[in-house]
Amino acid sequence: VFDNFELDEYNKILADFEPPKYKWGFLTEQGQLAIEDKY
């Protein structure tokens, strides 16, 4: 949640943002997803 100037900046960032096709997560040493690839 933003207001005033920061809200305008937030909208600028969203307008220019291009999400990656493949998301990022974290892998354990055992090869399991410790944190879902959603970032």
PDB file of all heavy atoms in Angstrom:
ATOM      1  N   VAL A   1       0.860  -1.184   0.000  1.00  0.00           N
ATOM      2  CA  VAL A   1       0.000   0.000   0.000  1.00  0.00           C
ATOM      3  C   VAL A   1       0.894   1.231   0.000  1.00  0.00           C
ATOM      4  O   VAL A   1       1.789   1.372   0.840  1.00  0.00           O
ATOM      5  CB  VAL A   1      -0.922   0.028   1.235  1.00  0.00           C
ATOM      6  CG1 VAL A   1      -1.746   1.308   1.256  1.00  0.00           C
ATOM      7  CG2 VAL A   1      -1.829  -1.200   1.233  1.00  0.00           C
ATOM      8  N   PHE A   2       0.666   2.122  -0.951  1.00  0.00           N
ATOM      9  CA  PHE A   2       1.441   3.352  -1.065  1.00  0.00           C
ATOM     10  C   PHE A   2       0.492   4.536  -1.164  1.00  0.00           C
ATOM     11  O   PHE A   2      -0.691   4.375  -1.456  1.00  0.00           O
ATOM     12  CB  PHE A   2       2.340   3.333  -2.311  1.00  0.00           C
ATOM     13  CG  PHE A   2       3.345   2.216  -2.325  1.00  0.00           C
ATOM     14  CD1 PHE A   2       3.171   1.120  -3.150  1.00  0.00           C
ATOM     15  CD2 PHE A   2       4.463   2.272  -1.513  1.00  0.00           C
ATOM     16  CE1 PHE A   2       4.104   0.092  -3.167  1.00  0.00           C
ATOM     17  CE2 PHE A   2       5.400   1.244  -1.531  1.00  0.00           C
ATOM     18  CZ  PHE A   2       5.219   0.148  -2.352  1.00  0.00           C
ATOM     19  N   ASP A   3       1.041   5.706  -0.953  1.00  0.00           N
ATOM     20  CA  ASP A   3       0.239   6.905  -1.177  1.00  0.00           C
ATOM     21  C   ASP A   3       1.103   7.984  -1.817  1.00  0.00           C
ATOM     22  O   ASP A   3       2.330   7.892  -1.835  1.00  0.00           O
ATOM     23  CB  ASP A   3      -0.381   7.416   0.131  1.00  0.00           C
ATOM     24  CG  ASP A   3       0.653   7.640   1.221  1.00  0.00           C
ATOM     25  OD1 ASP A   3       1.824   7.881   0.907  1.00  0.00           O
ATOM     26  OD2 ASP A   3       0.265   7.569   2.406  1.00  0.00           O
ATOM     27  N   ASN A   4       0.441   8.982  -2.367  1.00  0.00           N
ATOM     28  CA  ASN A   4       1.082  10.170  -2.929  1.00  0.00           C
ATOM     29  C   ASN A   4       2.202   9.817  -3.898  1.00  0.00           C
ATOM     30  O   ASN A   4       2.005   9.050  -4.834  1.00  0.00           O
ATOM     31  CB  ASN A   4       1.583  11.069  -1.793  1.00  0.00           C
ATOM     32  CG  ASN A   4       0.446  11.490  -0.878  1.00  0.00           C
ATOM     33  OD1 ASN A   4      -0.684  11.654  -1.323  1.00  0.00           O
ATOM     34  ND2 ASN A   4       0.742  11.638   0.411  1.00  0.00           N
ATOM     35  N   PHE A   5       3.378  10.390  -3.683  1.00  0.00           N
ATOM     36  CA  PHE A   5       4.494  10.220  -4.617  1.00  0.00           C
ATOM     37  C   PHE A   5       4.855   8.749  -4.811  1.00  0.00           C
ATOM     38  O   PHE A   5       5.102   8.305  -5.930  1.00  0.00           O
ATOM     39  CB  PHE A   5       5.712  10.996  -4.112  1.00  0.00           C
ATOM     40  CG  PHE A   5       6.967  10.735  -4.904  1.00  0.00           C
ATOM     41  CD1 PHE A   5       7.182  11.371  -6.112  1.00  0.00           C
ATOM     42  CD2 PHE A   5       7.922   9.832  -4.446  1.00  0.00           C
ATOM     43  CE1 PHE A   5       8.334  11.123  -6.854  1.00  0.00           C
ATOM     44  CE2 PHE A   5       9.065   9.580  -5.175  1.00  0.00           C
ATOM     45  CZ  PHE A   5       9.272  10.230  -6.385  1.00  0.00           C
ATOM     46  N   GLU A   6       4.910   7.970  -3.727  1.00  0.00           N
ATOM     47  CA  GLU A   6       5.317   6.574  -3.836  1.00  0.00           C
ATOM     48  C   GLU A   6       4.322   5.764  -4.664  1.00  0.00           C
ATOM     49  O   GLU A   6       4.710   4.833  -5.367  1.00  0.00           O
ATOM     50  CB  GLU A   6       5.508   5.957  -2.452  1.00  0.00           C
ATOM     51  CG  GLU A   6       6.774   6.460  -1.750  1.00  0.00           C
ATOM     52  CD  GLU A   6       7.240   5.530  -0.662  1.00  0.00           C
ATOM     53  OE1 GLU A   6       6.384   4.864  -0.042  1.00  0.00           O
ATOM     54  OE2 GLU A   6       8.459   5.463  -0.417  1.00  0.00           O
ATOM     55  N   LEU A   7       3.048   6.093  -4.597  1.00  0.00           N
ATOM     56  CA  LEU A   7       2.064   5.400  -5.418  1.00  0.00           C
ATOM     57  C   LEU A   7       2.328   5.643  -6.901  1.00  0.00           C
ATOM     58  O   LEU A   7       2.251   4.726  -7.720  1.00  0.00           O
ATOM     59  CB  LEU A   7       0.652   5.847  -5.048  1.00  0.00           C
ATOM     60  CG  LEU A   7      -0.488   5.188  -5.832  1.00  0.00           C
ATOM     61  CD1 LEU A   7      -0.456   3.675  -5.654  1.00  0.00           C
ATOM     62  CD2 LEU A   7      -1.835   5.763  -5.404  1.00  0.00           C
ATOM     63  N   ASP A   8       2.667   6.885  -7.246  1.00  0.00           N
ATOM     64  CA  ASP A   8       3.010   7.189  -8.636  1.00  0.00           C
ATOM     65  C   ASP A   8       4.234   6.389  -9.083  1.00  0.00           C
ATOM     66  O   ASP A   8       4.273   5.863 -10.190  1.00  0.00           O
ATOM     67  CB  ASP A   8       3.278   8.687  -8.796  1.00  0.00           C
ATOM     68  CG  ASP A   8       2.016   9.529  -8.638  1.00  0.00           C
ATOM     69  OD1 ASP A   8       0.914   8.974  -8.810  1.00  0.00           O
ATOM     70  OD2 ASP A   8       2.145  10.737  -8.333  1.00  0.00           O
ATOM     71  N   GLU A   9       5.237   6.312  -8.216  1.00  0.00           N
ATOM     72  CA  GLU A   9       6.445   5.557  -8.548  1.00  0.00           C
ATOM     73  C   GLU A   9       6.141   4.069  -8.696  1.00  0.00           C
ATOM     74  O   GLU A   9       6.677   3.394  -9.582  1.00  0.00           O
ATOM     75  CB  GLU A   9       7.512   5.771  -7.464  1.00  0.00           C
ATOM     76  CG  GLU A   9       8.115   7.163  -7.459  1.00  0.00           C
ATOM     77  CD  GLU A   9       8.839   7.467  -8.759  1.00  0.00           C
ATOM     78  OE1 GLU A   9       9.798   6.744  -9.100  1.00  0.00           O
ATOM     79  OE2 GLU A   9       8.424   8.419  -9.456  1.00  0.00           O
ATOM     80  N   TYR A  10       5.302   3.545  -7.821  1.00  0.00           N
ATOM     81  CA  TYR A  10       4.893   2.144  -7.893  1.00  0.00           C
ATOM     82  C   TYR A  10       4.221   1.839  -9.228  1.00  0.00           C
ATOM     83  O   TYR A  10       4.531   0.837  -9.896  1.00  0.00           O
ATOM     84  CB  TYR A  10       3.962   1.844  -6.722  1.00  0.00           C
ATOM     85  CG  TYR A  10       3.434   0.425  -6.664  1.00  0.00           C
ATOM     86  CD1 TYR A  10       4.284  -0.666  -6.791  1.00  0.00           C
ATOM     87  CD2 TYR A  10       2.081   0.187  -6.450  1.00  0.00           C
ATOM     88  CE1 TYR A  10       3.801  -1.958  -6.717  1.00  0.00           C
ATOM     89  CE2 TYR A  10       1.587  -1.114  -6.374  1.00  0.00           C
ATOM     90  CZ  TYR A  10       2.456  -2.185  -6.505  1.00  0.00           C
ATOM     91  OH  TYR A  10       1.967  -3.462  -6.426  1.00  0.00           O
ATOM     92  N   ASN A  11       3.334   2.712  -9.659  1.00  0.00           N
ATOM     93  CA  ASN A  11       2.652   2.505 -10.938  1.00  0.00           C
ATOM     94  C   ASN A  11       3.627   2.568 -12.115  1.00  0.00           C
ATOM     95  O   ASN A  11       3.474   1.838 -13.100  1.00  0.00           O
ATOM     96  CB  ASN A  11       1.539   3.534 -11.110  1.00  0.00           C
ATOM     97  CG  ASN A  11       0.365   3.270 -10.179  1.00  0.00           C
ATOM     98  OD1 ASN A  11       0.115   2.134  -9.802  1.00  0.00           O
ATOM     99  ND2 ASN A  11      -0.354   4.322  -9.801  1.00  0.00           N
ATOM    100  N   LYS A  12       4.640   3.432 -12.023  1.00  0.00           N
ATOM    101  CA  LYS A  12       5.655   3.495 -13.079  1.00  0.00           C
ATOM    102  C   LYS A  12       6.438   2.179 -13.155  1.00  0.00           C
ATOM    103  O   LYS A  12       6.730   1.664 -14.244  1.00  0.00           O
ATOM    104  CB  LYS A  12       6.615   4.659 -12.815  1.00  0.00           C
ATOM    105  CG  LYS A  12       6.018   6.036 -13.010  1.00  0.00           C
ATOM    106  CD  LYS A  12       7.034   7.108 -12.655  1.00  0.00           C
ATOM    107  CE  LYS A  12       6.426   8.503 -12.723  1.00  0.00           C
ATOM    108  NZ  LYS A  12       7.408   9.546 -12.293  1.00  0.00           N
ATOM    109  N   ILE A  13       6.795   1.633 -11.988  1.00  0.00           N
ATOM    110  CA  ILE A  13       7.542   0.378 -11.960  1.00  0.00           C
ATOM    111  C   ILE A  13       6.702  -0.750 -12.543  1.00  0.00           C
ATOM    112  O   ILE A  13       7.175  -1.552 -13.350  1.00  0.00           O
ATOM    113  CB  ILE A  13       7.989   0.055 -10.510  1.00  0.00           C
ATOM    114  CG1 ILE A  13       9.083   1.031 -10.078  1.00  0.00           C
ATOM    115  CG2 ILE A  13       8.488  -1.385 -10.398  1.00  0.00           C
ATOM    116  CD1 ILE A  13       9.451   0.952  -8.625  1.00  0.00           C
ATOM    117  N   LEU A  14       5.428  -0.805 -12.163  1.00  0.00           N
ATOM    118  CA  LEU A  14       4.547  -1.838 -12.700  1.00  0.00           C
ATOM    119  C   LEU A  14       4.386  -1.712 -14.210  1.00  0.00           C
ATOM    120  O   LEU A  14       4.358  -2.720 -14.935  1.00  0.00           O
ATOM    121  CB  LEU A  14       3.182  -1.753 -12.032  1.00  0.00           C
ATOM    122  CG  LEU A  14       3.059  -2.308 -10.610  1.00  0.00           C
ATOM    123  CD1 LEU A  14       1.664  -2.065 -10.082  1.00  0.00           C
ATOM    124  CD2 LEU A  14       3.389  -3.799 -10.581  1.00  0.00           C
ATOM    125  N   ALA A  15       4.269  -0.487 -14.695  1.00  0.00           N
ATOM    126  CA  ALA A  15       4.071  -0.266 -16.127  1.00  0.00           C
ATOM    127  C   ALA A  15       5.263  -0.744 -16.946  1.00  0.00           C
ATOM    128  O   ALA A  15       5.106  -1.231 -18.073  1.00  0.00           O
ATOM    129  CB  ALA A  15       3.803   1.208 -16.391  1.00  0.00           C
ATOM    130  N   ASP A  16       6.472  -0.614 -16.384  1.00  0.00           N
ATOM    131  CA  ASP A  16       7.692  -0.994 -17.103  1.00  0.00           C
ATOM    132  C   ASP A  16       8.125  -2.423 -16.824  1.00  0.00           C
ATOM    133  O   ASP A  16       9.020  -2.945 -17.492  1.00  0.00           O
ATOM    134  CB  ASP A  16       8.835  -0.049 -16.725  1.00  0.00           C
ATOM    135  CG  ASP A  16       8.625   1.370 -17.252  1.00  0.00           C
ATOM    136  OD1 ASP A  16       7.871   1.507 -18.221  1.00  0.00           O
ATOM    137  OD2 ASP A  16       9.191   2.304 -16.677  1.00  0.00           O
ATOM    138  N   PHE A  17       7.518  -3.065 -15.842  1.00  0.00           N
ATOM    139  CA  PHE A  17       8.013  -4.361 -15.403  1.00  0.00           C
ATOM    140  C   PHE A  17       7.625  -5.474 -16.374  1.00  0.00           C
ATOM    141  O   PHE A  17       6.478  -5.562 -16.818  1.00  0.00           O
ATOM    142  CB  PHE A  17       7.460  -4.687 -14.012  1.00  0.00           C
ATOM    143  CG  PHE A  17       8.002  -5.973 -13.452  1.00  0.00           C
ATOM    144  CD1 PHE A  17       9.303  -6.048 -12.996  1.00  0.00           C
ATOM    145  CD2 PHE A  17       7.212  -7.113 -13.406  1.00  0.00           C
ATOM    146  CE1 PHE A  17       9.809  -7.235 -12.489  1.00  0.00           C
ATOM    147  CE2 PHE A  17       7.703  -8.300 -12.896  1.00  0.00           C
ATOM    148  CZ  PHE A  17       9.015  -8.359 -12.441  1.00  0.00           C
ATOM    149  N   GLU A  18       8.596  -6.330 -16.689  1.00  0.00           N
ATOM    150  CA  GLU A  18       8.359  -7.507 -17.514  1.00  0.00           C
ATOM    151  C   GLU A  18       8.702  -8.748 -16.692  1.00  0.00           C
ATOM    152  O   GLU A  18       9.866  -9.035 -16.463  1.00  0.00           O
ATOM    153  CB  GLU A  18       9.205  -7.470 -18.784  1.00  0.00           C
ATOM    154  CG  GLU A  18       8.858  -6.333 -19.735  1.00  0.00           C
ATOM    155  CD  GLU A  18       9.656  -6.385 -21.025  1.00  0.00           C
ATOM    156  OE1 GLU A  18      10.313  -7.434 -21.257  1.00  0.00           O
ATOM    157  OE2 GLU A  18       9.632  -5.410 -21.775  1.00  0.00           O
ATOM    158  N   PRO A  19       7.703  -9.482 -16.212  1.00  0.00           N
ATOM    159  CA  PRO A  19       7.978 -10.652 -15.379  1.00  0.00           C
ATOM    160  C   PRO A  19       8.711 -11.730 -16.171  1.00  0.00           C
ATOM    161  O   PRO A  19       8.475 -11.900 -17.368  1.00  0.00           O
ATOM    162  CB  PRO A  19       6.581 -11.121 -14.954  1.00  0.00           C
ATOM    163  CG  PRO A  19       5.660 -10.587 -15.993  1.00  0.00           C
ATOM    164  CD  PRO A  19       6.256  -9.285 -16.452  1.00  0.00           C
ATOM    165  N   PRO A  20       9.641 -12.439 -15.529  1.00  0.00           N
ATOM    166  CA  PRO A  20      10.360 -13.508 -16.235  1.00  0.00           C
ATOM    167  C   PRO A  20       9.427 -14.665 -16.561  1.00  0.00           C
ATOM    168  O   PRO A  20       8.454 -14.921 -15.844  1.00  0.00           O
ATOM    169  CB  PRO A  20      11.434 -13.930 -15.221  1.00  0.00           C
ATOM    170  CG  PRO A  20      10.843 -13.588 -13.887  1.00  0.00           C
ATOM    171  CD  PRO A  20      10.045 -12.335 -14.114  1.00  0.00           C
ATOM    172  N   LYS A  21       9.733 -15.369 -17.624  1.00  0.00           N
ATOM    173  CA  LYS A  21       8.919 -16.521 -18.007  1.00  0.00           C
ATOM    174  C   LYS A  21       9.012 -17.616 -16.964  1.00  0.00           C
ATOM    175  O   LYS A  21       8.023 -18.309 -16.674  1.00  0.00           O
ATOM    176  CB  LYS A  21       9.372 -17.041 -19.371  1.00  0.00           C
ATOM    177  CG  LYS A  21       8.548 -18.212 -19.892  1.00  0.00           C
ATOM    178  CD  LYS A  21       9.000 -18.635 -21.285  1.00  0.00           C
ATOM    179  CE  LYS A  21       8.168 -19.813 -21.785  1.00  0.00           C
ATOM    180  NZ  LYS A  21       8.591 -20.234 -23.140  1.00  0.00           N
ATOM    181  N   TYR A  22      10.214 -17.792 -16.404  1.00  0.00           N
ATOM    182  CA  TYR A  22      10.423 -18.822 -15.393  1.00  0.00           C
ATOM    183  C   TYR A  22      10.752 -18.144 -14.063  1.00  0.00           C
ATOM    184  O   TYR A  22      11.617 -17.277 -13.990  1.00  0.00           O
ATOM    185  CB  TYR A  22      11.563 -19.760 -15.801  1.00  0.00           C
ATOM    186  CG  TYR A  22      11.305 -20.434 -17.129  1.00  0.00           C
ATOM    187  CD1 TYR A  22      11.951 -19.999 -18.287  1.00  0.00           C
ATOM    188  CD2 TYR A  22      10.409 -21.494 -17.228  1.00  0.00           C
ATOM    189  CE1 TYR A  22      11.714 -20.606 -19.511  1.00  0.00           C
ATOM    190  CE2 TYR A  22      10.165 -22.113 -18.449  1.00  0.00           C
ATOM    191  CZ  TYR A  22      10.814 -21.662 -19.581  1.00  0.00           C
ATOM    192  OH  TYR A  22      10.571 -22.263 -20.790  1.00  0.00           O
ATOM    193  N   LYS A  23      10.068 -18.565 -13.013  1.00  0.00           N
ATOM    194  CA  LYS A  23      10.224 -17.939 -11.707  1.00  0.00           C
ATOM    195  C   LYS A  23      11.393 -18.555 -10.938  1.00  0.00           C
ATOM    196  O   LYS A  23      11.902 -19.627 -11.272  1.00  0.00           O
ATOM    197  CB  LYS A  23       8.934 -18.089 -10.893  1.00  0.00           C
ATOM    198  CG  LYS A  23       7.713 -17.467 -11.554  1.00  0.00           C
ATOM    199  CD  LYS A  23       7.796 -15.958 -11.610  1.00  0.00           C
ATOM    200  CE  LYS A  23       6.496 -15.355 -12.107  1.00  0.00           C
ATOM    201  NZ  LYS A  23       6.526 -13.890 -12.135  1.00  0.00           N
ATOM    202  N   TRP A  24      11.780 -17.857  -9.855  1.00  0.00           N
ATOM    203  CA  TRP A  24      12.906 -18.270  -9.027  1.00  0.00           C
ATOM    204  C   TRP A  24      12.422 -18.861  -7.702  1.00  0.00           C
ATOM    205  O   TRP A  24      11.455 -18.396  -7.122  1.00  0.00           O
ATOM    206  CB  TRP A  24      13.802 -17.077  -8.729  1.00  0.00           C
ATOM    207  CG  TRP A  24      14.599 -16.600  -9.894  1.00  0.00           C
ATOM    208  CD1 TRP A  24      14.203 -15.729 -10.867  1.00  0.00           C
ATOM    209  CD2 TRP A  24      15.939 -16.966 -10.221  1.00  0.00           C
ATOM    210  NE1 TRP A  24      15.203 -15.525 -11.774  1.00  0.00           N
ATOM    211  CE2 TRP A  24      16.290 -16.270 -11.405  1.00  0.00           C
ATOM    212  CE3 TRP A  24      16.887 -17.806  -9.638  1.00  0.00           C
ATOM    213  CZ2 TRP A  24      17.541 -16.385 -12.000  1.00  0.00           C
ATOM    214  CZ3 TRP A  24      18.132 -17.922 -10.227  1.00  0.00           C
ATOM    215  CH2 TRP A  24      18.447 -17.226 -11.399  1.00  0.00           C
ATOM    216  N   GLY A  25      13.152 -19.889  -7.241  1.00  0.00           N
ATOM    217  CA  GLY A  25      12.938 -20.460  -5.920  1.00  0.00           C
ATOM    218  C   GLY A  25      14.266 -20.922  -5.346  1.00  0.00           C
ATOM    219  O   GLY A  25      15.332 -20.613  -5.887  1.00  0.00           O
ATOM    220  N   PHE A  26      14.213 -21.685  -4.246  1.00  0.00           N
ATOM    221  CA  PHE A  26      15.435 -22.175  -3.606  1.00  0.00           C
ATOM    222  C   PHE A  26      15.428 -23.692  -3.524  1.00  0.00           C
ATOM    223  O   PHE A  26      14.407 -24.316  -3.188  1.00  0.00           O
ATOM    224  CB  PHE A  26      15.584 -21.594  -2.194  1.00  0.00           C
ATOM    225  CG  PHE A  26      16.138 -20.199  -2.180  1.00  0.00           C
ATOM    226  CD1 PHE A  26      15.304 -19.108  -2.024  1.00  0.00           C
ATOM    227  CD2 PHE A  26      17.496 -19.982  -2.330  1.00  0.00           C
ATOM    228  CE1 PHE A  26      15.811 -17.819  -2.008  1.00  0.00           C
ATOM    229  CE2 PHE A  26      18.017 -18.696  -2.315  1.00  0.00           C
ATOM    230  CZ  PHE A  26      17.175 -17.612  -2.161  1.00  0.00           C
ATOM    231  N   LEU A  27      16.591 -24.289  -3.802  1.00  0.00           N
ATOM    232  CA  LEU A  27      16.786 -25.728  -3.830  1.00  0.00           C
ATOM    233  C   LEU A  27      17.652 -26.148  -2.649  1.00  0.00           C
ATOM    234  O   LEU A  27      18.668 -25.518  -2.364  1.00  0.00           O
ATOM    235  CB  LEU A  27      17.467 -26.128  -5.143  1.00  0.00           C
ATOM    236  CG  LEU A  27      17.547 -27.614  -5.496  1.00  0.00           C
ATOM    237  CD1 LEU A  27      16.171 -28.127  -5.906  1.00  0.00           C
ATOM    238  CD2 LEU A  27      18.541 -27.814  -6.647  1.00  0.00           C
ATOM    239  N   THR A  28      17.259 -27.237  -1.953  1.00  0.00           N
ATOM    240  CA  THR A  28      18.091 -27.784  -0.881  1.00  0.00           C
ATOM    241  C   THR A  28      19.245 -28.585  -1.477  1.00  0.00           C
ATOM    242  O   THR A  28      19.254 -28.908  -2.671  1.00  0.00           O
ATOM    243  CB  THR A  28      17.277 -28.700   0.037  1.00  0.00           C
ATOM    244  OG1 THR A  28      16.907 -29.874  -0.691  1.00  0.00           O
ATOM    245  CG2 THR A  28      16.029 -27.991   0.569  1.00  0.00           C
ATOM    246  N   GLU A  29      20.185 -28.960  -0.631  1.00  0.00           N
ATOM    247  CA  GLU A  29      21.292 -29.797  -1.088  1.00  0.00           C
ATOM    248  C   GLU A  29      20.810 -31.191  -1.477  1.00  0.00           C
ATOM    249  O   GLU A  29      21.492 -31.898  -2.217  1.00  0.00           O
ATOM    250  CB  GLU A  29      22.365 -29.874  -0.008  1.00  0.00           C
ATOM    251  CG  GLU A  29      23.057 -28.538   0.246  1.00  0.00           C
ATOM    252  CD  GLU A  29      24.182 -28.643   1.254  1.00  0.00           C
ATOM    253  OE1 GLU A  29      24.617 -29.779   1.554  1.00  0.00           O
ATOM    254  OE2 GLU A  29      24.634 -27.596   1.741  1.00  0.00           O
ATOM    255  N   GLN A  30      19.643 -31.578  -0.974  1.00  0.00           N
ATOM    256  CA  GLN A  30      19.072 -32.873  -1.325  1.00  0.00           C
ATOM    257  C   GLN A  30      18.242 -32.823  -2.617  1.00  0.00           C
ATOM    258  O   GLN A  30      17.722 -33.843  -3.056  1.00  0.00           O
ATOM    259  CB  GLN A  30      18.188 -33.384  -0.179  1.00  0.00           C
ATOM    260  CG  GLN A  30      18.954 -33.736   1.093  1.00  0.00           C
ATOM    261  CD  GLN A  30      19.461 -32.519   1.837  1.00  0.00           C
ATOM    262  OE1 GLN A  30      18.751 -31.499   1.909  1.00  0.00           O
ATOM    263  NE2 GLN A  30      20.666 -32.598   2.384  1.00  0.00           N
ATOM    264  N   GLY A  31      18.125 -31.628  -3.209  1.00  0.00           N
ATOM    265  CA  GLY A  31      17.423 -31.507  -4.482  1.00  0.00           C
ATOM    266  C   GLY A  31      15.948 -31.219  -4.375  1.00  0.00           C
ATOM    267  O   GLY A  31      15.216 -31.354  -5.364  1.00  0.00           O
ATOM    268  N   GLN A  32      15.487 -30.815  -3.185  1.00  0.00           N
ATOM    269  CA  GLN A  32      14.080 -30.493  -3.000  1.00  0.00           C
ATOM    270  C   GLN A  32      13.879 -28.983  -3.018  1.00  0.00           C
ATOM    271  O   GLN A  32      14.768 -28.223  -2.617  1.00  0.00           O
ATOM    272  CB  GLN A  32      13.585 -31.068  -1.667  1.00  0.00           C
ATOM    273  CG  GLN A  32      13.729 -32.570  -1.572  1.00  0.00           C
ATOM    274  CD  GLN A  32      13.559 -33.079  -0.153  1.00  0.00           C
ATOM    275  OE1 GLN A  32      13.816 -32.369   0.806  1.00  0.00           O
ATOM    276  NE2 GLN A  32      13.108 -34.324  -0.030  1.00  0.00           N
ATOM    277  N   LEU A  33      12.713 -28.566  -3.481  1.00  0.00           N
ATOM    278  CA  LEU A  33      12.380 -27.146  -3.452  1.00  0.00           C
ATOM    279  C   LEU A  33      12.058 -26.735  -2.018  1.00  0.00           C
ATOM    280  O   LEU A  33      11.033 -27.128  -1.460  1.00  0.00           O
ATOM    281  CB  LEU A  33      11.190 -26.850  -4.355  1.00  0.00           C
ATOM    282  CG  LEU A  33      11.474 -26.468  -5.805  1.00  0.00           C
ATOM    283  CD1 LEU A  33      10.165 -26.238  -6.541  1.00  0.00           C
ATOM    284  CD2 LEU A  33      12.357 -25.233  -5.890  1.00  0.00           C
ATOM    285  N   ALA A  34      12.953 -25.960  -1.418  1.00  0.00           N
ATOM    286  CA  ALA A  34      12.729 -25.483  -0.054  1.00  0.00           C
ATOM    287  C   ALA A  34      11.776 -24.301  -0.068  1.00  0.00           C
ATOM    288  O   ALA A  34      10.979 -24.119   0.853  1.00  0.00           O
ATOM    289  CB  ALA A  34      14.049 -25.085   0.593  1.00  0.00           C
ATOM    290  N   ILE A  35      11.873 -23.486  -1.104  1.00  0.00           N
ATOM    291  CA  ILE A  35      11.006 -22.319  -1.269  1.00  0.00           C
ATOM    292  C   ILE A  35      10.506 -22.343  -2.707  1.00  0.00           C
ATOM    293  O   ILE A  35      11.290 -22.412  -3.651  1.00  0.00           O
ATOM    294  CB  ILE A  35      11.745 -21.016  -0.956  1.00  0.00           C
ATOM    295  CG1 ILE A  35      12.181 -20.994   0.523  1.00  0.00           C
ATOM    296  CG2 ILE A  35      10.881 -19.799  -1.267  1.00  0.00           C
ATOM    297  CD1 ILE A  35      13.015 -19.796   0.910  1.00  0.00           C
ATOM    298  N   GLU A  36       9.213 -22.309  -2.856  1.00  0.00           N
ATOM    299  CA  GLU A  36       8.570 -22.442  -4.164  1.00  0.00           C
ATOM    300  C   GLU A  36       9.108 -21.427  -5.163  1.00  0.00           C
ATOM    301  O   GLU A  36       9.400 -20.276  -4.817  1.00  0.00           O
ATOM    302  CB  GLU A  36       7.059 -22.255  -3.989  1.00  0.00           C
ATOM    303  CG  GLU A  36       6.263 -22.421  -5.273  1.00  0.00           C
ATOM    304  CD  GLU A  36       4.798 -22.108  -5.083  1.00  0.00           C
ATOM    305  OE1 GLU A  36       4.372 -21.926  -3.915  1.00  0.00           O
ATOM    306  OE2 GLU A  36       4.084 -22.036  -6.095  1.00  0.00           O
ATOM    307  N   ASP A  37       9.214 -21.851  -6.409  1.00  0.00           N
ATOM    308  CA  ASP A  37       9.684 -20.967  -7.476  1.00  0.00           C
ATOM    309  C   ASP A  37       8.530 -20.051  -7.908  1.00  0.00           C
ATOM    310  O   ASP A  37       7.831 -20.317  -8.873  1.00  0.00           O
ATOM    311  CB  ASP A  37      10.227 -21.766  -8.658  1.00  0.00           C
ATOM    312  CG  ASP A  37       9.257 -22.828  -9.152  1.00  0.00           C
ATOM    313  OD1 ASP A  37       8.687 -23.542  -8.318  1.00  0.00           O
ATOM    314  OD2 ASP A  37       9.070 -22.937 -10.375  1.00  0.00           O
ATOM    315  N   LYS A  38       8.387 -18.950  -7.169  1.00  0.00           N
ATOM    316  CA  LYS A  38       7.299 -18.006  -7.425  1.00  0.00           C
ATOM    317  C   LYS A  38       7.778 -16.560  -7.470  1.00  0.00           C
ATOM    318  O   LYS A  38       6.961 -15.645  -7.604  1.00  0.00           O
ATOM    319  CB  LYS A  38       6.230 -18.148  -6.345  1.00  0.00           C
ATOM    320  CG  LYS A  38       6.713 -17.850  -4.933  1.00  0.00           C
ATOM    321  CD  LYS A  38       5.598 -18.064  -3.920  1.00  0.00           C
ATOM    322  CE  LYS A  38       6.059 -17.755  -2.496  1.00  0.00           C
ATOM    323  NZ  LYS A  38       4.971 -17.967  -1.513  1.00  0.00           N
ATOM    324  N   TYR A  39       9.082 -16.357  -7.399  1.00  0.00           N
ATOM    325  CA  TYR A  39       9.613 -14.991  -7.326  1.00  0.00           C
ATOM    326  C   TYR A  39      10.165 -14.544  -8.672  1.00  0.00           C
ATOM    327  O   TYR A  39      10.684 -15.342  -9.461  1.00  0.00           O
ATOM    328  CB  TYR A  39      10.699 -14.913  -6.262  1.00  0.00           C
ATOM    329  CG  TYR A  39      10.137 -15.099  -4.871  1.00  0.00           C
ATOM    330  CD1 TYR A  39      10.320 -16.300  -4.186  1.00  0.00           C
ATOM    331  CD2 TYR A  39       9.392 -14.099  -4.265  1.00  0.00           C
ATOM    332  CE1 TYR A  39       9.786 -16.486  -2.922  1.00  0.00           C
ATOM    333  CE2 TYR A  39       8.851 -14.274  -2.999  1.00  0.00           C
ATOM    334  CZ  TYR A  39       9.046 -15.472  -2.339  1.00  0.00           C
ATOM    335  OH  TYR A  39       8.498 -15.655  -1.101  1.00  0.00           O
TER     336      TYR A  39
END
